[in-house]
Each structure stands twice: as structure tokens, then as C-alpha cells.
C-alpha atoms as a PDB file:
ATOM      1  CA  MET A   1      22.399  -3.919  -7.685  1.00  0.00           C
ATOM      2  CA  SER A   2      20.731  -4.230  -3.973  1.00  0.00           C
ATOM      3  CA  ASN A   3      16.982  -5.375  -3.816  1.00  0.00           C
ATOM      4  CA  HIS A   4      16.367  -1.534  -2.146  1.00  0.00           C
ATOM      5  CA  VAL A   5      17.755   0.013  -4.895  1.00  0.00           C
ATOM      6  CA  LEU A   6      15.440  -2.197  -8.009  1.00  0.00           C
ATOM      7  CA  LYS A   7      12.434  -1.659  -5.897  1.00  0.00           C
ATOM      8  CA  GLY A   8      13.091   2.104  -5.649  1.00  0.00           C
ATOM      9  CA  LEU A   9      13.406   2.200  -9.766  1.00  0.00           C
ATOM     10  CA  LEU A  10      10.638   0.134 -10.512  1.00  0.00           C
ATOM     11  CA  PHE A  11       8.180   1.352  -7.955  1.00  0.00           C
ATOM     12  CA  LEU A  12       9.346   4.852  -7.501  1.00  0.00           C
ATOM     13  CA  THR A  13      11.559   6.492 -10.520  1.00  0.00           C
ATOM     14  CA  ILE A  14       9.700   4.725 -13.457  1.00  0.00           C
ATOM     15  CA  PRO A  15       6.518   5.307 -12.564  1.00  0.00           C
ATOM     16  CA  MET A  16       6.964   9.057 -11.490  1.00  0.00           C
ATOM     17  CA  ARG A  17       8.563   9.631 -14.547  1.00  0.00           C
ATOM     18  CA  VAL A  18       5.760   8.560 -16.365  1.00  0.00           C
ATOM     19  CA  TRP A  19       3.758  10.435 -14.449  1.00  0.00           C
ATOM     20  CA  ASN A  20       5.285  13.799 -15.463  1.00  0.00           C
ATOM     21  CA  PHE A  21       4.828  12.472 -18.939  1.00  0.00           C
ATOM     22  CA  LEU A  22       0.847  11.768 -18.262  1.00  0.00           C
ATOM     23  CA  CYS A  23       0.042  14.948 -16.545  1.00  0.00           C
ATOM     24  CA  GLN A  24       0.656  17.076 -19.802  1.00  0.00           C
ATOM     25  CA  ASP A  25      -3.258  16.034 -19.995  1.00  0.00           C
ATOM     26  CA  PHE A  26      -5.138  16.738 -16.983  1.00  0.00           C
ATOM     27  CA  GLY A  27      -8.510  14.978 -17.755  1.00  0.00           C
ATOM     28  CA  ALA A  28      -6.052  11.512 -18.345  1.00  0.00           C
ATOM     29  CA  THR A  29      -4.234  12.031 -14.921  1.00  0.00           C
ATOM     30  CA  THR A  30      -7.635  12.912 -13.207  1.00  0.00           C
ATOM     31  CA  PHE A  31      -9.144   9.590 -14.649  1.00  0.00           C
ATOM     32  CA  LEU A  32      -6.334   7.359 -13.571  1.00  0.00           C
ATOM     33  CA  LEU A  33      -6.292   8.792  -9.897  1.00  0.00           C
ATOM     34  CA  SER A  34      -9.877   8.771  -9.831  1.00  0.00           C
ATOM     35  CA  VAL A  35      -9.969   4.865 -10.785  1.00  0.00           C
ATOM     36  CA  ALA A  36      -6.961   3.979  -8.361  1.00  0.00           C
ATOM     37  CA  TRP A  37      -8.026   5.762  -5.310  1.00  0.00           C
ATOM     38  CA  ASN A  38     -11.715   4.563  -5.883  1.00  0.00           C
ATOM     39  CA  CYS A  39     -10.562   1.456  -5.915  1.00  0.00           C
ATOM     40  CA  ASP A  40      -7.979   1.893  -2.892  1.00  0.00           C
ATOM     41  CA  SER A  41     -11.422   3.377  -1.001  1.00  0.00           C
ATOM     42  CA  GLY A  42     -13.515   0.616  -1.912  1.00  0.00           C
ATOM     43  CA  ALA A  43     -11.668  -1.926  -0.868  1.00  0.00           C
ATOM     44  CA  LEU A  44     -11.237  -0.225   2.552  1.00  0.00           C
ATOM     45  CA  ILE A  45     -14.888   0.361   2.763  1.00  0.00           C
ATOM     46  CA  VAL A  46     -16.048  -3.049   1.698  1.00  0.00           C
ATOM     47  CA  GLY A  47     -13.570  -4.914   3.701  1.00  0.00           C
ATOM     48  CA  ARG A  48     -14.218  -2.932   6.832  1.00  0.00           C
ATOM     49  CA  LEU A  49     -18.002  -3.291   6.247  1.00  0.00           C
ATOM     50  CA  SER A  50     -17.620  -7.018   5.443  1.00  0.00           C
ATOM     51  CA  LYS A  51     -15.548  -7.498   8.968  1.00  0.00           C
ATOM     52  CA  SER A  52     -17.842  -6.017  11.154  1.00  0.00           C
ATOM     53  CA  ILE A  53     -21.413  -7.344   9.282  1.00  0.00           C
ATOM     54  CA  GLN A  54     -20.192 -10.810   8.779  1.00  0.00           C
ATOM     55  CA  ALA A  55     -19.308 -13.546  11.664  1.00  0.00           C
ATOM     56  CA  PRO A  56     -15.712 -14.736  11.263  1.00  0.00           C
ATOM     57  CA  ASP A  57     -17.045 -18.242  10.318  1.00  0.00           C
ATOM     58  CA  ASN A  58     -18.710 -16.800   7.120  1.00  0.00           C
ATOM     59  CA  ARG A  59     -15.850 -14.720   5.983  1.00  0.00           C
ATOM     60  CA  ILE A  60     -13.928 -15.987   3.020  1.00  0.00           C
ATOM     61  CA  PRO A  61     -10.472 -16.919   4.123  1.00  0.00           C
ATOM     62  CA  PRO A  62      -7.571 -15.056   2.432  1.00  0.00           C
ATOM     63  CA  PRO A  63      -4.588 -16.576   0.964  1.00  0.00           C
ATOM     64  CA  GLN A  64      -1.824 -17.202   3.312  1.00  0.00           C
ATOM     65  CA  TRP A  65       0.124 -14.929   1.016  1.00  0.00           C
ATOM     66  CA  LEU A  66      -1.824 -12.298   1.312  1.00  0.00           C
ATOM     67  CA  VAL A  67      -1.965 -12.224   5.120  1.00  0.00           C
ATOM     68  CA  LYS A  68       1.672 -12.493   5.204  1.00  0.00           C
ATOM     69  CA  ILE A  69       1.910  -9.473   3.267  1.00  0.00           C
ATOM     70  CA  SER A  70      -0.577  -7.360   4.981  1.00  0.00           C
ATOM     71  CA  PRO A  71      -2.913  -9.253   7.509  1.00  0.00           C
ATOM     72  CA  ALA A  72      -5.557  -6.463   7.370  1.00  0.00           C
ATOM     73  CA  LYS A  73      -6.466  -7.211   3.607  1.00  0.00           C
ATOM     74  CA  SER A  74      -9.354  -9.227   2.872  1.00  0.00           C
ATOM     75  CA  VAL A  75     -10.912 -11.196   0.007  1.00  0.00           C
ATOM     76  CA  GLU A  76     -13.942  -8.882  -0.101  1.00  0.00           C
ATOM     77  CA  GLY A  77     -11.787  -5.845  -0.001  1.00  0.00           C
ATOM     78  CA  VAL A  78     -10.342  -7.092  -2.636  1.00  0.00           C
ATOM     79  CA  LEU A  79     -13.540  -7.764  -4.697  1.00  0.00           C
ATOM     80  CA  GLY A  80     -14.777  -4.359  -3.036  1.00  0.00           C
ATOM     81  CA  GLY A  81     -11.862  -2.466  -4.900  1.00  0.00           C
ATOM     82  CA  LEU A  82     -12.201  -4.244  -8.678  1.00  0.00           C
ATOM     83  CA  MET A  83     -15.778  -3.244  -8.354  1.00  0.00           C
ATOM     84  CA  ALA A  84     -15.369   0.632  -7.560  1.00  0.00           C
ATOM     85  CA  GLY A  85     -12.565   1.031  -9.749  1.00  0.00           C
ATOM     86  CA  CYS A  86     -14.439  -0.522 -12.594  1.00  0.00           C
ATOM     87  CA  LEU A  87     -17.676   1.598 -11.588  1.00  0.00           C
ATOM     88  CA  THR A  88     -15.311   4.551 -11.922  1.00  0.00           C
ATOM     89  CA  CYS A  89     -14.051   3.447 -15.241  1.00  0.00           C
ATOM     90  CA  VAL A  90     -17.791   2.971 -16.493  1.00  0.00           C
ATOM     91  CA  CYS A  91     -19.275   6.263 -14.983  1.00  0.00           C
ATOM     92  CA  TRP A  92     -16.331   8.321 -16.120  1.00  0.00           C
ATOM     93  CA  PRO A  93     -17.840  10.313 -18.645  1.00  0.00           C
ATOM     94  CA  PHE A  94     -20.507  11.283 -16.352  1.00  0.00           C
ATOM     95  CA  LEU A  95     -18.173  12.064 -13.571  1.00  0.00           C
ATOM     96  CA  TRP A  96     -16.064  14.424 -16.238  1.00  0.00           C
ATOM     97  CA  GLN A  97     -18.837  16.363 -16.936  1.00  0.00           C
ATOM     98  CA  GLY A  98     -19.744  16.945 -13.494  1.00  0.00           C
ATOM     99  CA  LEU A  99     -15.945  17.970 -13.457  1.00  0.00           C
ATOM    100  CA  VAL A 100     -16.640  20.433 -16.083  1.00  0.00           C
ATOM    101  CA  LEU A 101     -19.696  21.710 -14.723  1.00  0.00           C
ATOM    102  CA  PHE A 102     -18.131  22.328 -11.239  1.00  0.00           C
ATOM    103  CA  ARG A 103     -15.276  24.157 -12.852  1.00  0.00           C
ATOM    104  CA  GLU A 104     -17.618  26.334 -15.083  1.00  0.00           C
ATOM    105  CA  LEU A 105     -19.754  27.221 -11.807  1.00  0.00           C
ATOM    106  CA  ALA A 106     -16.726  28.055  -9.958  1.00  0.00           C
ATOM    107  CA  ALA A 107     -15.461  30.092 -12.716  1.00  0.00           C
ATOM    108  CA  SER A 108     -18.808  31.934 -13.341  1.00  0.00           C
ATOM    109  CA  SER A 109     -18.578  31.023 -17.068  1.00  0.00           C
ATOM    110  CA  THR A 110     -21.536  30.863 -18.922  1.00  0.00           C
ATOM    111  CA  TRP A 111     -22.959  26.942 -20.302  1.00  0.00           C
ATOM    112  CA  MET A 112     -22.563  28.401 -24.062  1.00  0.00           C
ATOM    113  CA  GLU A 113     -18.825  29.089 -23.236  1.00  0.00           C
ATOM    114  CA  SER A 114     -16.691  26.482 -24.510  1.00  0.00           C
ATOM    115  CA  SER A 115     -14.202  24.726 -22.155  1.00  0.00           C
ATOM    116  CA  SER A 116     -10.438  23.956 -22.240  1.00  0.00           C
ATOM    117  CA  MET A 117     -11.361  20.846 -20.365  1.00  0.00           C
ATOM    118  CA  ASP A 118     -14.187  19.551 -23.132  1.00  0.00           C
ATOM    119  CA  SER A 119     -11.574  18.307 -25.340  1.00  0.00           C
ATOM    120  CA  SER A 120      -9.618  16.539 -22.758  1.00  0.00           C
ATOM    121  CA  GLY A 121     -10.658  14.001 -20.032  1.00  0.00           C
ATOM    122  CA  MET A 122     -12.605  11.808 -21.955  1.00  0.00           C
ATOM    123  CA  ALA A 123     -10.065   9.106 -21.415  1.00  0.00           C
ATOM    124  CA  THR A 124     -13.083   6.407 -22.272  1.00  0.00           C
ATOM    125  CA  GLU A 125     -14.371   8.243 -24.985  1.00  0.00           C
ATOM    126  CA  GLY A 126     -15.327   5.599 -28.025  1.00  0.00           C
ATOM    127  CA  LEU A 127     -14.790   2.857 -25.577  1.00  0.00           C
ATOM    128  CA  SER A 128     -17.671   0.185 -25.489  1.00  0.00           C
ATOM    129  CA  LEU A 129     -19.170  -0.769 -22.060  1.00  0.00           C
ATOM    130  CA  THR A 130     -16.901  -4.080 -22.088  1.00  0.00           C
ATOM    131  CA  GLU A 131     -14.037  -2.281 -22.806  1.00  0.00           C
ATOM    132  CA  ARG A 132     -14.734   0.311 -20.110  1.00  0.00           C
ATOM    133  CA  ILE A 133     -15.102  -2.726 -17.827  1.00  0.00           C
ATOM    134  CA  SER A 134     -12.212  -4.489 -19.211  1.00  0.00           C
ATOM    135  CA  LEU A 135     -10.001  -1.116 -18.546  1.00  0.00           C
ATOM    136  CA  GLY A 136     -11.392  -0.782 -15.202  1.00  0.00           C
ATOM    137  CA  LEU A 137     -10.853  -4.261 -14.094  1.00  0.00           C
ATOM    138  CA  ILE A 138      -7.060  -3.976 -15.200  1.00  0.00           C
ATOM    139  CA  LEU A 139      -6.347  -0.571 -14.142  1.00  0.00           C
ATOM    140  CA  SER A 140      -8.028  -2.190 -10.326  1.00  0.00           C
ATOM    141  CA  ILE A 141      -5.809  -5.039 -10.313  1.00  0.00           C
ATOM    142  CA  LEU A 142      -2.811  -3.332 -11.043  1.00  0.00           C
ATOM    143  CA  ALA A 143      -3.905  -0.674  -8.221  1.00  0.00           C
ATOM    144  CA  ILE A 144      -4.262  -3.389  -5.964  1.00  0.00           C
ATOM    145  CA  VAL A 145      -0.972  -4.841  -6.474  1.00  0.00           C
ATOM    146  CA  GLY A 146       0.972  -1.765  -6.643  1.00  0.00           C
ATOM    147  CA  ASP A 147      -1.034  -1.235  -3.000  1.00  0.00           C
ATOM    148  CA  LEU A 148       0.063  -4.913  -1.859  1.00  0.00           C
ATOM    149  CA  TRP A 149       3.724  -4.094  -3.025  1.00  0.00           C
ATOM    150  CA  GLU A 150       4.176  -1.271  -1.198  1.00  0.00           C
ATOM    151  CA  SER A 151       2.695  -2.526   1.965  1.00  0.00           C
ATOM    152  CA  SER A 152       5.217  -5.634   1.081  1.00  0.00           C
ATOM    153  CA  THR A 153       8.135  -3.394   1.259  1.00  0.00           C
ATOM    154  CA  LYS A 154       6.939  -1.405   4.520  1.00  0.00           C
ATOM    155  CA  ARG A 155       6.448  -4.601   6.189  1.00  0.00           C
ATOM    156  CA  GLN A 156       9.808  -5.953   5.403  1.00  0.00           C
ATOM    157  CA  GLY A 157      11.703  -2.557   6.033  1.00  0.00           C
ATOM    158  CA  GLY A 158       9.557  -2.895   9.470  1.00  0.00           C
ATOM    159  CA  VAL A 159       7.638  -0.039   9.414  1.00  0.00           C
ATOM    160  CA  LYS A 160       3.943   0.941   9.616  1.00  0.00           C
ATOM    161  CA  ASP A 161       3.751   4.404   7.480  1.00  0.00           C
ATOM    162  CA  SER A 162       6.088   5.469   4.715  1.00  0.00           C
ATOM    163  CA  GLY A 163       6.197   9.016   6.467  1.00  0.00           C
ATOM    164  CA  LYS A 164       4.437  10.944   8.846  1.00  0.00           C
ATOM    165  CA  LEU A 165       3.002  13.918   6.707  1.00  0.00           C
ATOM    166  CA  LEU A 166      -0.414  12.187   6.597  1.00  0.00           C
ATOM    167  CA  PRO A 167      -0.553  10.668   9.839  1.00  0.00           C
ATOM    168  CA  GLY A 168      -3.356   7.213   9.724  1.00  0.00           C
ATOM    169  CA  HIS A 169      -2.770   7.223   6.284  1.00  0.00           C
ATOM    170  CA  GLY A 170       0.514   5.681   5.871  1.00  0.00           C
ATOM    171  CA  GLY A 171       2.187   8.662   4.124  1.00  0.00           C
ATOM    172  CA  ILE A 172       2.312  10.444   1.104  1.00  0.00           C
ATOM    173  CA  LEU A 173       3.454   7.056  -0.745  1.00  0.00           C
ATOM    174  CA  ASP A 174       0.412   5.537   0.230  1.00  0.00           C
ATOM    175  CA  ARG A 175      -1.744   7.948  -1.351  1.00  0.00           C
ATOM    176  CA  PHE A 176       0.065   7.125  -4.835  1.00  0.00           C
ATOM    177  CA  ASP A 177       0.861   3.168  -4.565  1.00  0.00           C
ATOM    178  CA  SER A 178      -2.127   2.063  -6.145  1.00  0.00           C
ATOM    179  CA  SER A 179      -1.251   4.552  -8.825  1.00  0.00           C
ATOM    180  CA  ALA A 180       2.351   3.630  -9.333  1.00  0.00           C
ATOM    181  CA  LEU A 181       1.570   0.379 -11.957  1.00  0.00           C
ATOM    182  CA  PRO A 182      -1.469   1.516 -13.203  1.00  0.00           C
ATOM    183  CA  VAL A 183       0.407   4.694 -14.793  1.00  0.00           C
ATOM    184  CA  LEU A 184       2.817   2.610 -16.732  1.00  0.00           C
ATOM    185  CA  PHE A 185      -0.358   0.439 -18.071  1.00  0.00           C
ATOM    186  CA  TYR A 186      -2.352   3.536 -18.962  1.00  0.00           C
ATOM    187  CA  THR A 187       0.088   5.716 -20.450  1.00  0.00           C
ATOM    188  CA  TYR A 188       1.059   3.088 -22.799  1.00  0.00           C
ATOM    189  CA  TYR A 189      -2.612   2.653 -23.670  1.00  0.00           C
ATOM    190  CA  TYR A 190      -3.749   6.113 -24.014  1.00  0.00           C
ATOM    191  CA  TYR A 191      -1.132   7.377 -25.824  1.00  0.00           C
ATOM    192  CA  TYR A 192      -0.084   4.447 -28.246  1.00  0.00           C
ATOM    193  CA  SER A 193      -3.064   2.380 -28.462  1.00  0.00           C
END
């Protein structure tokens, strides 16, 4: 089996099949995408801010393997991504209630009316603060590894973007690369633990 077929199977086919299973629960899907995308955004924002604020001598030098995969990545960015993903996981009950409120306001329904979103989406329900932080940390690490994996694949293929549909954002795959590995872990965690 060629290297490209194996990567496609592991990085696209299996995670997308698991996404198909997970997307039956809107709340679980929203939670996972929020953690992965906030991790991605946190890494980008903190990484860029640290480059613009700190002098090059004061920055933490990234390991060589990270520079080979993606020269724009930084240790500060990785730490920012981990913090953003963990914070999303910790704050999820409040974020979910905001989504429920927005839906109710958009649908012009009353506060007293039950919503189909109320029973779903509490992905962190019943978890202690420590468990939420741990879940956020695991999902964030997997999101960062997924992003690095996709960057490595693009670098090996000699392409900058995985598509032209979202110019400047790396293509559609760059919107989902950080969720490809977390979806495998989270689906198992959510349904089988």
C-alpha cells in the first residue's frame, strides 16, 4: 500500500466516517468543532502576537522537527492553542447555553418553551473541572497533531494550500485538519466511556 493511500485512509476516510457517526448529535459535533477550531485560532493568534511583541532573542526556539514541518509554527503558538482548547472545554456549558439562547431568540420562542437543544450538547456535563481540563488538553493536543500532520503532507506534496475554495486559509481541509484526530478520540469517549 502506497504512503499516499495510507495517509488518505488514516487522515481522511476513517475520521470522516467517524464524523458521519458523531454528527447525529448536534451538541457533540458543535463541542468538538469549537474545541478544535478555538485551539487552531488560539495557536495562530498567540503565535503571531508573540512574534510581533517579543524580540527574536527572547522567543522560545522551536524544535527542529517542528520547523521542518511548518516554519511558521512556534512554541508560543502551540501553548496558546492548548490554552484556547482547554478554555473552550472548561467554558462549554456557558457557551452551549449561549447557543441555546441564540437559537431561541432567532426562532422567537419563549424562555419557558423546551428546546430540542437543551438535552443535547452538554458534552462536559457531569465532568469535574479537572476532567474538563484533561479532556480539553487531550483534544487540543490531538488537534495540533492533526494540523501538523496535514502541514507535513502538504509540504511533502510541494503545495501551499490543500484547495482553492478558501484562499488564504489553506483550503477546506485546513478547516478540518485539526478535528480529524480529535474526532476519533472524542467519539469513543463520548459514546463508549
